[in-house]
Amino acid sequence: MSPATLAPRADPSAGRVVRLLVAGSSAFAVPTLDAVVAAGHAVVGVLTAPDRAGTRGRPAPRPLRDRARALQLPLWQPETLRDPALLAALLASGADGIVVASYGRLIPAALLAALPLGGLNVHPSLLPRHRGAAPVAAAILAGDPVTGVSVMQMAASLDTGPVHAAITWPVAPTATTPELTAELAEAGARLLVQVLAQAAAGTAQPRPQDPGRATYTPRLDRHTGELDWSRPAVVIDRHVRALQPWPGTTLPLGGQRVKVLAGDPLPDEPAGSAAPGRVRTIEGAAAVVQTGEGWYRCRRVQPPSRPAMDAAAYLRGRRDAATTPPALDSFP
């Protein structure tokens, strides 16, 4: 996929080197940190989420923490940014501004006001569309043909500041949230370097957002992906692609709810007469399931407390486990 052409990178050697704090938590923030360092700016500190226990006894991943340690940069992992001692330490760093990419915490207004360049946020949507916590998933769920990434000046309220620059990016029909997020992270990092050059030179001219066009995306939770087969096949497909890796999409299949990991819609095939959720046929490793509108070819599933597997293998196992194996299309 080819995005719109970006302008050449700014060269800080031709202007002022900016002293920056960089804040982020997910892997989305790593290209931003790398781009700032590669452009020659001085990173005086990195802010990221505290260490946490993850699944199955392993610690939760902290990609920005790991990258900061590899670059031997000062690192803070505070529970809260409202600690006066932390605020004093951040100001003592001599930072000109703070760059934020998927941090998940509001930056205190006192810190933004005290920094000469304030805060710049790399946000993976075309603001004011999809403000909030899950903009990439929201674009896929909405069926947007294009999305983008915006670099905005941070304000006291969430994602409302004026936009310095934005770039559009196509949403492929098969795009998943992890794939699209990685693409937007790289594009946003390059765009940020351009904005930093303008901000340092005093030539930046951010444009206010139009609040009348704003849409908001809430945080995802475990209930977001709990669907049934009465939804149209294209809607089910968007959920499967958008809600990776968490919270995932669950649907009833083979007598229990399973997480559907991969598949594709068949909206143009003639509708069947069976109730939504009935399996029409097995196509290789996939199961073709009736939906409320069209068919959905379910390829990969993950049953509760079991590893991922092909949908056909899962259904065969459910039939083999039955005392009297039912017909294939009797599975709800």
C-alpha atoms as a PDB file:
ATOM      1  CA  MET A   1       0.000   0.000   0.000  1.00  0.00           C
ATOM      2  CA  SER A   2       1.348   3.433  -0.888  1.00  0.00           C
ATOM      3  CA  PRO A   3       0.489   6.481   1.203  1.00  0.00           C
ATOM      4  CA  ALA A   4       0.522  10.022  -0.074  1.00  0.00           C
ATOM      5  CA  THR A   5       4.084  11.249  -0.528  1.00  0.00           C
ATOM      6  CA  LEU A   6       5.586  12.852   2.548  1.00  0.00           C
ATOM      7  CA  ALA A   7       7.768  15.930   2.322  1.00  0.00           C
ATOM      8  CA  PRO A   8      11.504  15.397   2.938  1.00  0.00           C
ATOM      9  CA  ARG A   9      12.601  15.072   6.539  1.00  0.00           C
ATOM     10  CA  ALA A  10      13.575  18.206   8.388  1.00  0.00           C
ATOM     11  CA  ASP A  11      17.288  18.520   9.120  1.00  0.00           C
ATOM     12  CA  PRO A  12      17.831  19.868  12.652  1.00  0.00           C
ATOM     13  CA  SER A  13      21.475  20.590  11.781  1.00  0.00           C
ATOM     14  CA  ALA A  14      20.122  23.507   9.754  1.00  0.00           C
ATOM     15  CA  GLY A  15      18.186  24.856  12.748  1.00  0.00           C
ATOM     16  CA  ARG A  16      17.781  24.531  16.495  1.00  0.00           C
ATOM     17  CA  VAL A  17      18.032  21.132  18.144  1.00  0.00           C
ATOM     18  CA  VAL A  18      14.985  20.633  20.369  1.00  0.00           C
ATOM     19  CA  ARG A  19      15.211  19.118  23.848  1.00  0.00           C
ATOM     20  CA  LEU A  20      12.290  16.750  24.244  1.00  0.00           C
ATOM     21  CA  LEU A  21      10.419  14.511  26.628  1.00  0.00           C
ATOM     22  CA  VAL A  22       8.808  11.554  24.830  1.00  0.00           C
ATOM     23  CA  ALA A  23       5.756   9.830  26.338  1.00  0.00           C
ATOM     24  CA  GLY A  24       4.060   6.640  25.178  1.00  0.00           C
ATOM     25  CA  SER A  25       3.120   3.133  26.254  1.00  0.00           C
ATOM     26  CA  SER A  26       2.419   0.896  23.282  1.00  0.00           C
ATOM     27  CA  ALA A  27       4.582  -0.089  20.314  1.00  0.00           C
ATOM     28  CA  PHE A  28       3.001   2.809  18.411  1.00  0.00           C
ATOM     29  CA  ALA A  29       5.344   5.182  20.270  1.00  0.00           C
ATOM     30  CA  VAL A  30       8.608   3.459  19.340  1.00  0.00           C
ATOM     31  CA  PRO A  31       8.914   4.891  15.778  1.00  0.00           C
ATOM     32  CA  THR A  32       8.276   8.360  17.222  1.00  0.00           C
ATOM     33  CA  LEU A  33      11.160   7.989  19.664  1.00  0.00           C
ATOM     34  CA  ASP A  34      13.431   6.577  16.967  1.00  0.00           C
ATOM     35  CA  ALA A  35      12.551   9.379  14.527  1.00  0.00           C
ATOM     36  CA  VAL A  36      13.246  12.101  17.080  1.00  0.00           C
ATOM     37  CA  VAL A  37      16.624  10.588  17.914  1.00  0.00           C
ATOM     38  CA  ALA A  38      17.522   9.989  14.255  1.00  0.00           C
ATOM     39  CA  ALA A  39      16.638  13.610  13.429  1.00  0.00           C
ATOM     40  CA  GLY A  40      19.240  14.794  15.909  1.00  0.00           C
ATOM     41  CA  HIS A  41      16.990  16.143  18.634  1.00  0.00           C
ATOM     42  CA  ALA A  42      17.945  15.656  22.292  1.00  0.00           C
ATOM     43  CA  VAL A  43      15.655  13.306  24.226  1.00  0.00           C
ATOM     44  CA  VAL A  44      16.025  14.336  27.874  1.00  0.00           C
ATOM     45  CA  GLY A  45      13.577  11.771  29.203  1.00  0.00           C
ATOM     46  CA  VAL A  46      11.082   9.058  28.304  1.00  0.00           C
ATOM     47  CA  LEU A  47       7.758   8.550  30.097  1.00  0.00           C
ATOM     48  CA  THR A  48       5.958   5.226  29.883  1.00  0.00           C
ATOM     49  CA  ALA A  49       3.568   3.037  31.849  1.00  0.00           C
ATOM     50  CA  PRO A  50       4.705   1.243  35.012  1.00  0.00           C
ATOM     51  CA  ASP A  51       5.677  -2.413  34.789  1.00  0.00           C
ATOM     52  CA  ARG A  52       2.734  -4.768  35.227  1.00  0.00           C
ATOM     53  CA  ALA A  53       2.105  -8.484  35.413  1.00  0.00           C
ATOM     54  CA  GLY A  54       0.906  -9.850  32.093  1.00  0.00           C
ATOM     55  CA  THR A  55      -0.695 -13.128  31.109  1.00  0.00           C
ATOM     56  CA  ARG A  56       0.479 -16.563  32.261  1.00  0.00           C
ATOM     57  CA  GLY A  57       2.934 -15.103  34.731  1.00  0.00           C
ATOM     58  CA  ARG A  58       4.888 -13.119  32.158  1.00  0.00           C
ATOM     59  CA  PRO A  59       5.356  -9.358  32.569  1.00  0.00           C
ATOM     60  CA  ALA A  60       3.269  -7.157  30.302  1.00  0.00           C
ATOM     61  CA  PRO A  61       5.259  -5.847  27.315  1.00  0.00           C
ATOM     62  CA  ARG A  62       6.641  -2.326  27.584  1.00  0.00           C
ATOM     63  CA  PRO A  63       8.054  -1.576  24.103  1.00  0.00           C
ATOM     64  CA  LEU A  64       8.938   2.070  24.731  1.00  0.00           C
ATOM     65  CA  ARG A  65      10.630   1.229  28.023  1.00  0.00           C
ATOM     66  CA  ASP A  66      12.774  -1.369  26.290  1.00  0.00           C
ATOM     67  CA  ARG A  67      13.697   1.022  23.482  1.00  0.00           C
ATOM     68  CA  ALA A  68      14.577   3.803  25.919  1.00  0.00           C
ATOM     69  CA  ARG A  69      16.841   1.459  27.858  1.00  0.00           C
ATOM     70  CA  ALA A  70      18.522   0.302  24.648  1.00  0.00           C
ATOM     71  CA  LEU A  71      19.215   3.951  23.782  1.00  0.00           C
ATOM     72  CA  GLN A  72      20.351   4.627  27.381  1.00  0.00           C
ATOM     73  CA  LEU A  73      17.862   7.451  27.825  1.00  0.00           C
ATOM     74  CA  PRO A  74      16.502   8.719  31.177  1.00  0.00           C
ATOM     75  CA  LEU A  75      13.330   6.796  31.959  1.00  0.00           C
ATOM     76  CA  TRP A  76      10.303   7.491  34.175  1.00  0.00           C
ATOM     77  CA  GLN A  77       7.468   5.016  34.764  1.00  0.00           C
ATOM     78  CA  PRO A  78       5.126   6.910  37.095  1.00  0.00           C
ATOM     79  CA  GLU A  79       1.754   5.708  38.328  1.00  0.00           C
ATOM     80  CA  THR A  80       0.494   9.284  38.026  1.00  0.00           C
ATOM     81  CA  LEU A  81       1.703  12.528  36.488  1.00  0.00           C
ATOM     82  CA  ARG A  82       0.169  14.598  39.272  1.00  0.00           C
ATOM     83  CA  ASP A  83       3.065  14.080  41.686  1.00  0.00           C
ATOM     84  CA  PRO A  84       4.647  17.510  42.341  1.00  0.00           C
ATOM     85  CA  ALA A  85       8.086  15.905  42.706  1.00  0.00           C
ATOM     86  CA  LEU A  86       7.764  14.309  39.266  1.00  0.00           C
ATOM     87  CA  LEU A  87       6.627  17.579  37.720  1.00  0.00           C
ATOM     88  CA  ALA A  88       9.643  19.324  39.232  1.00  0.00           C
ATOM     89  CA  ALA A  89      11.976  16.637  37.855  1.00  0.00           C
ATOM     90  CA  LEU A  90      10.482  16.897  34.369  1.00  0.00           C
ATOM     91  CA  LEU A  91      10.867  20.666  34.350  1.00  0.00           C
ATOM     92  CA  ALA A  92      14.432  20.360  35.659  1.00  0.00           C
ATOM     93  CA  SER A  93      15.269  18.252  32.589  1.00  0.00           C
ATOM     94  CA  GLY A  94      15.396  21.434  30.524  1.00  0.00           C
ATOM     95  CA  ALA A  95      12.899  20.118  27.969  1.00  0.00           C
ATOM     96  CA  ASP A  96      11.561  22.490  25.330  1.00  0.00           C
ATOM     97  CA  GLY A  97       8.490  20.345  24.787  1.00  0.00           C
ATOM     98  CA  ILE A  98       6.909  16.940  25.177  1.00  0.00           C
ATOM     99  CA  VAL A  99       5.960  14.546  22.374  1.00  0.00           C
ATOM    100  CA  VAL A 100       3.163  12.081  23.093  1.00  0.00           C
ATOM    101  CA  ALA A 101       2.228   8.960  21.111  1.00  0.00           C
ATOM    102  CA  SER A 102      -0.317   6.517  22.556  1.00  0.00           C
ATOM    103  CA  TYR A 103       0.468   7.245  26.195  1.00  0.00           C
ATOM    104  CA  GLY A 104      -3.002   6.727  27.654  1.00  0.00           C
ATOM    105  CA  ARG A 105      -2.653   9.459  30.279  1.00  0.00           C
ATOM    106  CA  LEU A 106      -3.520  13.143  30.180  1.00  0.00           C
ATOM    107  CA  ILE A 107      -0.508  15.418  30.420  1.00  0.00           C
ATOM    108  CA  PRO A 108      -1.000  17.973  33.231  1.00  0.00           C
ATOM    109  CA  ALA A 109      -1.830  21.459  32.013  1.00  0.00           C
ATOM    110  CA  ALA A 110       0.854  22.838  34.323  1.00  0.00           C
ATOM    111  CA  LEU A 111       3.544  20.882  32.443  1.00  0.00           C
ATOM    112  CA  LEU A 112       2.246  21.884  29.013  1.00  0.00           C
ATOM    113  CA  ALA A 113       2.128  25.545  30.056  1.00  0.00           C
ATOM    114  CA  ALA A 114       5.667  25.484  31.450  1.00  0.00           C
ATOM    115  CA  LEU A 115       7.323  24.036  28.325  1.00  0.00           C
ATOM    116  CA  PRO A 116       8.232  26.576  25.605  1.00  0.00           C
ATOM    117  CA  LEU A 117       6.873  24.359  22.804  1.00  0.00           C
ATOM    118  CA  GLY A 118       4.117  22.786  24.894  1.00  0.00           C
ATOM    119  CA  GLY A 119       3.063  19.295  23.820  1.00  0.00           C
ATOM    120  CA  LEU A 120       2.717  17.597  20.438  1.00  0.00           C
ATOM    121  CA  ASN A 121       0.532  14.516  20.098  1.00  0.00           C
ATOM    122  CA  VAL A 122       0.839  11.937  17.293  1.00  0.00           C
ATOM    123  CA  HIS A 123      -2.738  10.681  16.892  1.00  0.00           C
ATOM    124  CA  PRO A 124      -3.643   7.874  14.426  1.00  0.00           C
ATOM    125  CA  SER A 125      -6.732   9.407  12.820  1.00  0.00           C
ATOM    126  CA  LEU A 126      -7.752  12.392  10.744  1.00  0.00           C
ATOM    127  CA  LEU A 127      -8.860  14.661  13.580  1.00  0.00           C
ATOM    128  CA  PRO A 128     -11.479  15.591  14.580  1.00  0.00           C
ATOM    129  CA  ARG A 129     -12.741  12.166  13.417  1.00  0.00           C
ATOM    130  CA  HIS A 130     -12.086   9.344  15.884  1.00  0.00           C
ATOM    131  CA  ARG A 131     -10.878  11.258  18.892  1.00  0.00           C
ATOM    132  CA  GLY A 132     -10.271   9.043  21.890  1.00  0.00           C
ATOM    133  CA  ALA A 133      -8.670   5.813  22.954  1.00  0.00           C
ATOM    134  CA  ALA A 134      -9.054   3.415  19.991  1.00  0.00           C
ATOM    135  CA  PRO A 135      -8.985   5.411  16.735  1.00  0.00           C
ATOM    136  CA  VAL A 136      -7.475   2.705  14.521  1.00  0.00           C
ATOM    137  CA  ALA A 137     -10.028   0.097  15.547  1.00  0.00           C
ATOM    138  CA  ALA A 138     -12.762   2.708  15.160  1.00  0.00           C
ATOM    139  CA  ALA A 139     -11.769   3.407  11.548  1.00  0.00           C
ATOM    140  CA  ILE A 140     -11.973  -0.299  10.651  1.00  0.00           C
ATOM    141  CA  LEU A 141     -15.249  -0.795  12.532  1.00  0.00           C
ATOM    142  CA  ALA A 142     -16.773   2.165  10.708  1.00  0.00           C
ATOM    143  CA  GLY A 143     -15.675   0.836   7.320  1.00  0.00           C
ATOM    144  CA  ASP A 144     -13.707   4.000   6.585  1.00  0.00           C
ATOM    145  CA  PRO A 145     -11.933   3.697   3.211  1.00  0.00           C
ATOM    146  CA  VAL A 146      -9.202   6.048   4.428  1.00  0.00           C
ATOM    147  CA  THR A 147      -7.895   7.132   7.793  1.00  0.00           C
ATOM    148  CA  GLY A 148      -4.690   8.955   8.626  1.00  0.00           C
ATOM    149  CA  VAL A 149      -2.446  10.394  11.285  1.00  0.00           C
ATOM    150  CA  SER A 150      -2.499  13.886  12.782  1.00  0.00           C
ATOM    151  CA  VAL A 151       0.082  15.839  14.761  1.00  0.00           C
ATOM    152  CA  MET A 152      -1.722  18.246  17.045  1.00  0.00           C
ATOM    153  CA  GLN A 153      -0.818  20.793  19.679  1.00  0.00           C
ATOM    154  CA  MET A 154      -1.957  19.369  22.996  1.00  0.00           C
ATOM    155  CA  ALA A 155      -4.735  21.081  24.940  1.00  0.00           C
ATOM    156  CA  ALA A 156      -6.265  20.477  28.349  1.00  0.00           C
ATOM    157  CA  SER A 157      -9.109  18.305  27.009  1.00  0.00           C
ATOM    158  CA  LEU A 158      -8.711  15.056  25.088  1.00  0.00           C
ATOM    159  CA  ASP A 159      -7.656  15.338  21.422  1.00  0.00           C
ATOM    160  CA  THR A 160      -9.125  18.823  20.949  1.00  0.00           C
ATOM    161  CA  GLY A 161      -5.987  20.877  20.224  1.00  0.00           C
ATOM    162  CA  PRO A 162      -5.233  22.552  16.895  1.00  0.00           C
ATOM    163  CA  VAL A 163      -3.731  20.339  14.191  1.00  0.00           C
ATOM    164  CA  HIS A 164      -0.265  21.148  12.814  1.00  0.00           C
ATOM    165  CA  ALA A 165      -0.301  18.574  10.011  1.00  0.00           C
ATOM    166  CA  ALA A 166      -2.136  15.440   8.890  1.00  0.00           C
ATOM    167  CA  ILE A 167      -1.718  12.816   6.221  1.00  0.00           C
ATOM    168  CA  THR A 168      -4.331  10.469   4.774  1.00  0.00           C
ATOM    169  CA  TRP A 169      -3.727   6.738   4.619  1.00  0.00           C
ATOM    170  CA  PRO A 170      -5.758   4.032   2.818  1.00  0.00           C
ATOM    171  CA  VAL A 171      -7.485   1.336   4.836  1.00  0.00           C
ATOM    172  CA  ALA A 172      -7.079  -1.945   2.969  1.00  0.00           C
ATOM    173  CA  PRO A 173     -10.176  -4.195   2.850  1.00  0.00           C
ATOM    174  CA  THR A 174      -8.235  -6.825   4.792  1.00  0.00           C
ATOM    175  CA  ALA A 175      -6.476  -4.455   7.212  1.00  0.00           C
ATOM    176  CA  THR A 176      -6.247  -5.461  10.871  1.00  0.00           C
ATOM    177  CA  THR A 177      -5.688  -3.083  13.756  1.00  0.00           C
ATOM    178  CA  PRO A 178      -2.092  -4.254  14.408  1.00  0.00           C
ATOM    179  CA  GLU A 179      -1.149  -3.902  10.725  1.00  0.00           C
ATOM    180  CA  LEU A 180      -2.729  -0.481  10.277  1.00  0.00           C
ATOM    181  CA  THR A 181      -1.367   0.784  13.599  1.00  0.00           C
ATOM    182  CA  ALA A 182       2.187  -0.127  12.581  1.00  0.00           C
ATOM    183  CA  GLU A 183       1.807   1.696   9.252  1.00  0.00           C
ATOM    184  CA  LEU A 184       0.404   4.825  10.908  1.00  0.00           C
ATOM    185  CA  ALA A 185       3.107   4.780  13.582  1.00  0.00           C
ATOM    186  CA  GLU A 186       5.834   5.066  10.945  1.00  0.00           C
ATOM    187  CA  ALA A 187       3.982   7.741   8.962  1.00  0.00           C
ATOM    188  CA  GLY A 188       3.215   9.736  12.099  1.00  0.00           C
ATOM    189  CA  ALA A 189       6.819   9.654  13.256  1.00  0.00           C
ATOM    190  CA  ARG A 190       8.016  11.107   9.966  1.00  0.00           C
ATOM    191  CA  LEU A 191       5.320  13.773  10.037  1.00  0.00           C
ATOM    192  CA  LEU A 192       6.265  14.721  13.591  1.00  0.00           C
ATOM    193  CA  VAL A 193       9.849  15.498  12.566  1.00  0.00           C
ATOM    194  CA  GLN A 194       8.537  17.995  10.034  1.00  0.00           C
ATOM    195  CA  VAL A 195       6.301  19.644  12.616  1.00  0.00           C
ATOM    196  CA  LEU A 196       9.149  19.851  15.133  1.00  0.00           C
ATOM    197  CA  ALA A 197      11.269  21.728  12.593  1.00  0.00           C
ATOM    198  CA  GLN A 198       8.458  24.234  12.060  1.00  0.00           C
ATOM    199  CA  ALA A 199       7.800  24.611  15.784  1.00  0.00           C
ATOM    200  CA  ALA A 200      11.484  25.174  16.539  1.00  0.00           C
ATOM    201  CA  ALA A 201      11.705  27.782  13.774  1.00  0.00           C
ATOM    202  CA  GLY A 202       8.583  29.568  14.964  1.00  0.00           C
ATOM    203  CA  THR A 203       6.794  29.026  11.651  1.00  0.00           C
ATOM    204  CA  ALA A 204       4.177  26.500  12.795  1.00  0.00           C
ATOM    205  CA  GLN A 205       0.583  27.472  12.050  1.00  0.00           C
ATOM    206  CA  PRO A 206      -1.738  24.860  13.579  1.00  0.00           C
ATOM    207  CA  ARG A 207      -5.381  24.927  12.493  1.00  0.00           C
ATOM    208  CA  PRO A 208      -8.253  24.659  14.994  1.00  0.00           C
ATOM    209  CA  GLN A 209     -10.389  21.540  14.776  1.00  0.00           C
ATOM    210  CA  ASP A 210     -14.039  21.806  13.793  1.00  0.00           C
ATOM    211  CA  PRO A 211     -15.926  20.522  16.860  1.00  0.00           C
ATOM    212  CA  GLY A 212     -19.028  19.976  14.745  1.00  0.00           C
ATOM    213  CA  ARG A 213     -17.253  17.194  12.854  1.00  0.00           C
ATOM    214  CA  ALA A 214     -15.848  15.454  15.909  1.00  0.00           C
ATOM    215  CA  THR A 215     -16.509  11.782  16.611  1.00  0.00           C
ATOM    216  CA  TYR A 216     -15.324   9.876  19.671  1.00  0.00           C
ATOM    217  CA  THR A 217     -14.170   6.322  20.172  1.00  0.00           C
ATOM    218  CA  PRO A 218     -14.462   4.876  23.684  1.00  0.00           C
ATOM    219  CA  ARG A 219     -12.038   2.457  25.241  1.00  0.00           C
ATOM    220  CA  LEU A 220     -12.567  -1.111  24.103  1.00  0.00           C
ATOM    221  CA  ASP A 221     -13.754  -3.637  26.660  1.00  0.00           C
ATOM    222  CA  ARG A 222     -14.507  -7.351  26.731  1.00  0.00           C
ATOM    223  CA  HIS A 223     -18.126  -6.801  25.691  1.00  0.00           C
ATOM    224  CA  THR A 224     -17.252  -4.905  22.493  1.00  0.00           C
ATOM    225  CA  GLY A 225     -16.540  -8.071  20.543  1.00  0.00           C
ATOM    226  CA  GLU A 226     -19.375 -10.277  21.849  1.00  0.00           C
ATOM    227  CA  LEU A 227     -21.426 -10.707  18.658  1.00  0.00           C
ATOM    228  CA  ASP A 228     -24.016 -13.063  17.233  1.00  0.00           C
ATOM    229  CA  TRP A 229     -24.445 -14.288  13.693  1.00  0.00           C
ATOM    230  CA  SER A 230     -27.487 -12.086  13.029  1.00  0.00           C
ATOM    231  CA  ARG A 231     -25.112  -9.243  12.147  1.00  0.00           C
ATOM    232  CA  PRO A 232     -24.238  -8.762   8.449  1.00  0.00           C
ATOM    233  CA  ALA A 233     -21.151 -10.622   7.271  1.00  0.00           C
ATOM    234  CA  VAL A 234     -19.300  -7.363   6.513  1.00  0.00           C
ATOM    235  CA  VAL A 235     -19.927  -6.114  10.054  1.00  0.00           C
ATOM    236  CA  ILE A 236     -18.657  -9.360  11.568  1.00  0.00           C
ATOM    237  CA  ASP A 237     -15.577  -9.126   9.359  1.00  0.00           C
ATOM    238  CA  ARG A 238     -14.851  -5.568  10.519  1.00  0.00           C
ATOM    239  CA  HIS A 239     -15.060  -6.638  14.155  1.00  0.00           C
ATOM    240  CA  VAL A 240     -12.739  -9.592  13.610  1.00  0.00           C
ATOM    241  CA  ARG A 241     -10.146  -7.355  11.951  1.00  0.00           C
ATOM    242  CA  ALA A 242     -10.585  -4.358  14.243  1.00  0.00           C
ATOM    243  CA  LEU A 243     -10.583  -6.029  17.636  1.00  0.00           C
ATOM    244  CA  GLN A 244      -7.195  -7.712  17.342  1.00  0.00           C
ATOM    245  CA  PRO A 245      -5.381  -8.532  19.519  1.00  0.00           C
ATOM    246  CA  TRP A 246      -7.776  -7.413  22.265  1.00  0.00           C
ATOM    247  CA  PRO A 247     -10.579  -7.831  23.173  1.00  0.00           C
ATOM    248  CA  GLY A 248     -11.147 -10.100  20.176  1.00  0.00           C
ATOM    249  CA  THR A 249     -14.439 -11.151  18.599  1.00  0.00           C
ATOM    250  CA  THR A 250     -16.425 -14.064  19.985  1.00  0.00           C
ATOM    251  CA  LEU A 251     -19.293 -15.854  18.247  1.00  0.00           C
ATOM    252  CA  PRO A 252     -21.269 -19.041  18.977  1.00  0.00           C
ATOM    253  CA  LEU A 253     -19.935 -21.958  16.953  1.00  0.00           C
ATOM    254  CA  GLY A 254     -20.019 -25.675  17.581  1.00  0.00           C
ATOM    255  CA  GLY A 255     -22.143 -25.258  20.690  1.00  0.00           C
ATOM    256  CA  GLN A 256     -19.912 -22.769  22.502  1.00  0.00           C
ATOM    257  CA  ARG A 257     -18.578 -19.249  22.086  1.00  0.00           C
ATOM    258  CA  VAL A 258     -15.198 -19.137  20.368  1.00  0.00           C
ATOM    259  CA  LYS A 259     -12.878 -16.305  19.476  1.00  0.00           C
ATOM    260  CA  VAL A 260     -12.872 -15.838  15.699  1.00  0.00           C
ATOM    261  CA  LEU A 261      -9.333 -14.910  14.628  1.00  0.00           C
ATOM    262  CA  ALA A 262      -9.559 -14.777  10.837  1.00  0.00           C
ATOM    263  CA  GLY A 263     -12.031 -15.062   8.014  1.00  0.00           C
ATOM    264  CA  ASP A 264     -13.641 -13.081   5.226  1.00  0.00           C
ATOM    265  CA  PRO A 265     -17.177 -12.062   4.280  1.00  0.00           C
ATOM    266  CA  LEU A 266     -19.093 -13.427   1.315  1.00  0.00           C
ATOM    267  CA  PRO A 267     -21.798 -10.742   1.158  1.00  0.00           C
ATOM    268  CA  ASP A 268     -22.694 -11.224  -2.505  1.00  0.00           C
ATOM    269  CA  GLU A 269     -23.517 -14.917  -2.346  1.00  0.00           C
ATOM    270  CA  PRO A 270     -27.242 -15.729  -2.329  1.00  0.00           C
ATOM    271  CA  ALA A 271     -28.688 -15.775   1.173  1.00  0.00           C
ATOM    272  CA  GLY A 272     -29.509 -19.161   2.603  1.00  0.00           C
ATOM    273  CA  SER A 273     -32.776 -20.172   4.238  1.00  0.00           C
ATOM    274  CA  ALA A 274     -31.165 -21.412   7.451  1.00  0.00           C
ATOM    275  CA  ALA A 275     -31.034 -19.354  10.620  1.00  0.00           C
ATOM    276  CA  PRO A 276     -27.953 -17.192  11.177  1.00  0.00           C
ATOM    277  CA  GLY A 277     -25.148 -19.239  12.690  1.00  0.00           C
ATOM    278  CA  ARG A 278     -25.752 -22.424  10.710  1.00  0.00           C
ATOM    279  CA  VAL A 279     -22.727 -23.887   8.954  1.00  0.00           C
ATOM    280  CA  ARG A 280     -23.415 -24.284   5.234  1.00  0.00           C
ATOM    281  CA  THR A 281     -20.274 -26.117   4.202  1.00  0.00           C
ATOM    282  CA  ILE A 282     -16.616 -26.754   4.888  1.00  0.00           C
ATOM    283  CA  GLU A 283     -14.179 -25.252   2.371  1.00  0.00           C
ATOM    284  CA  GLY A 284     -10.782 -26.754   3.065  1.00  0.00           C
ATOM    285  CA  ALA A 285      -9.820 -25.567   6.528  1.00  0.00           C
ATOM    286  CA  ALA A 286     -12.648 -22.971   6.706  1.00  0.00           C
ATOM    287  CA  ALA A 287     -16.319 -23.123   7.645  1.00  0.00           C
ATOM    288  CA  VAL A 288     -18.878 -21.041   5.740  1.00  0.00           C
ATOM    289  CA  VAL A 289     -21.496 -19.718   8.178  1.00  0.00           C
ATOM    290  CA  GLN A 290     -24.877 -18.084   7.518  1.00  0.00           C
ATOM    291  CA  THR A 291     -25.111 -14.519   8.891  1.00  0.00           C
ATOM    292  CA  GLY A 292     -27.927 -12.027   9.057  1.00  0.00           C
ATOM    293  CA  GLU A 293     -26.836 -10.743   5.662  1.00  0.00           C
ATOM    294  CA  GLY A 294     -24.554 -12.859   3.503  1.00  0.00           C
ATOM    295  CA  TRP A 295     -22.154 -15.616   4.487  1.00  0.00           C
ATOM    296  CA  TYR A 296     -18.956 -15.478   6.516  1.00  0.00           C
ATOM    297  CA  ARG A 297     -16.034 -17.796   5.763  1.00  0.00           C
ATOM    298  CA  CYS A 298     -14.590 -18.515   9.199  1.00  0.00           C
ATOM    299  CA  ARG A 299     -10.956 -19.585   8.885  1.00  0.00           C
ATOM    300  CA  ARG A 300      -9.298 -19.567  12.313  1.00  0.00           C
ATOM    301  CA  VAL A 301     -10.833 -19.842  15.777  1.00  0.00           C
ATOM    302  CA  GLN A 302      -9.666 -20.170  19.349  1.00  0.00           C
ATOM    303  CA  PRO A 303     -11.930 -22.197  21.650  1.00  0.00           C
ATOM    304  CA  PRO A 304     -11.945 -21.389  25.377  1.00  0.00           C
ATOM    305  CA  SER A 305      -8.689 -22.420  27.103  1.00  0.00           C
ATOM    306  CA  ARG A 306      -7.357 -24.008  23.904  1.00  0.00           C
ATOM    307  CA  PRO A 307      -4.875 -22.945  21.221  1.00  0.00           C
ATOM    308  CA  ALA A 308      -5.905 -21.438  17.905  1.00  0.00           C
ATOM    309  CA  MET A 309      -6.907 -23.851  15.157  1.00  0.00           C
ATOM    310  CA  ASP A 310      -8.589 -24.039  11.763  1.00  0.00           C
ATOM    311  CA  ALA A 311     -12.366 -23.691  11.967  1.00  0.00           C
ATOM    312  CA  ALA A 312     -12.919 -26.984  10.133  1.00  0.00           C
ATOM    313  CA  ALA A 313     -10.704 -28.901  12.558  1.00  0.00           C
ATOM    314  CA  TYR A 314     -12.516 -27.337  15.492  1.00  0.00           C
ATOM    315  CA  LEU A 315     -15.935 -28.369  14.158  1.00  0.00           C
ATOM    316  CA  ARG A 316     -14.756 -31.899  13.393  1.00  0.00           C
ATOM    317  CA  GLY A 317     -13.565 -32.202  16.969  1.00  0.00           C
ATOM    318  CA  ARG A 318     -16.912 -31.024  18.300  1.00  0.00           C
ATOM    319  CA  ARG A 319     -18.736 -33.595  16.141  1.00  0.00           C
ATOM    320  CA  ASP A 320     -16.390 -36.380  17.176  1.00  0.00           C
ATOM    321  CA  ALA A 321     -16.964 -35.540  20.844  1.00  0.00           C
ATOM    322  CA  ALA A 322     -20.744 -35.880  20.541  1.00  0.00           C
ATOM    323  CA  THR A 323     -22.428 -39.144  21.534  1.00  0.00           C
ATOM    324  CA  THR A 324     -24.514 -38.981  18.382  1.00  0.00           C
ATOM    325  CA  PRO A 325     -22.721 -36.874  15.807  1.00  0.00           C
ATOM    326  CA  PRO A 326     -25.197 -34.304  14.473  1.00  0.00           C
ATOM    327  CA  ALA A 327     -25.345 -33.058  10.913  1.00  0.00           C
ATOM    328  CA  LEU A 328     -22.806 -30.396  10.133  1.00  0.00           C
ATOM    329  CA  ASP A 329     -25.352 -27.620   9.680  1.00  0.00           C
ATOM    330  CA  SER A 330     -27.029 -28.336  13.038  1.00  0.00           C
ATOM    331  CA  PHE A 331     -24.289 -26.559  14.957  1.00  0.00           C
ATOM    332  CA  PRO A 332     -25.470 -23.154  16.185  1.00  0.00           C
END
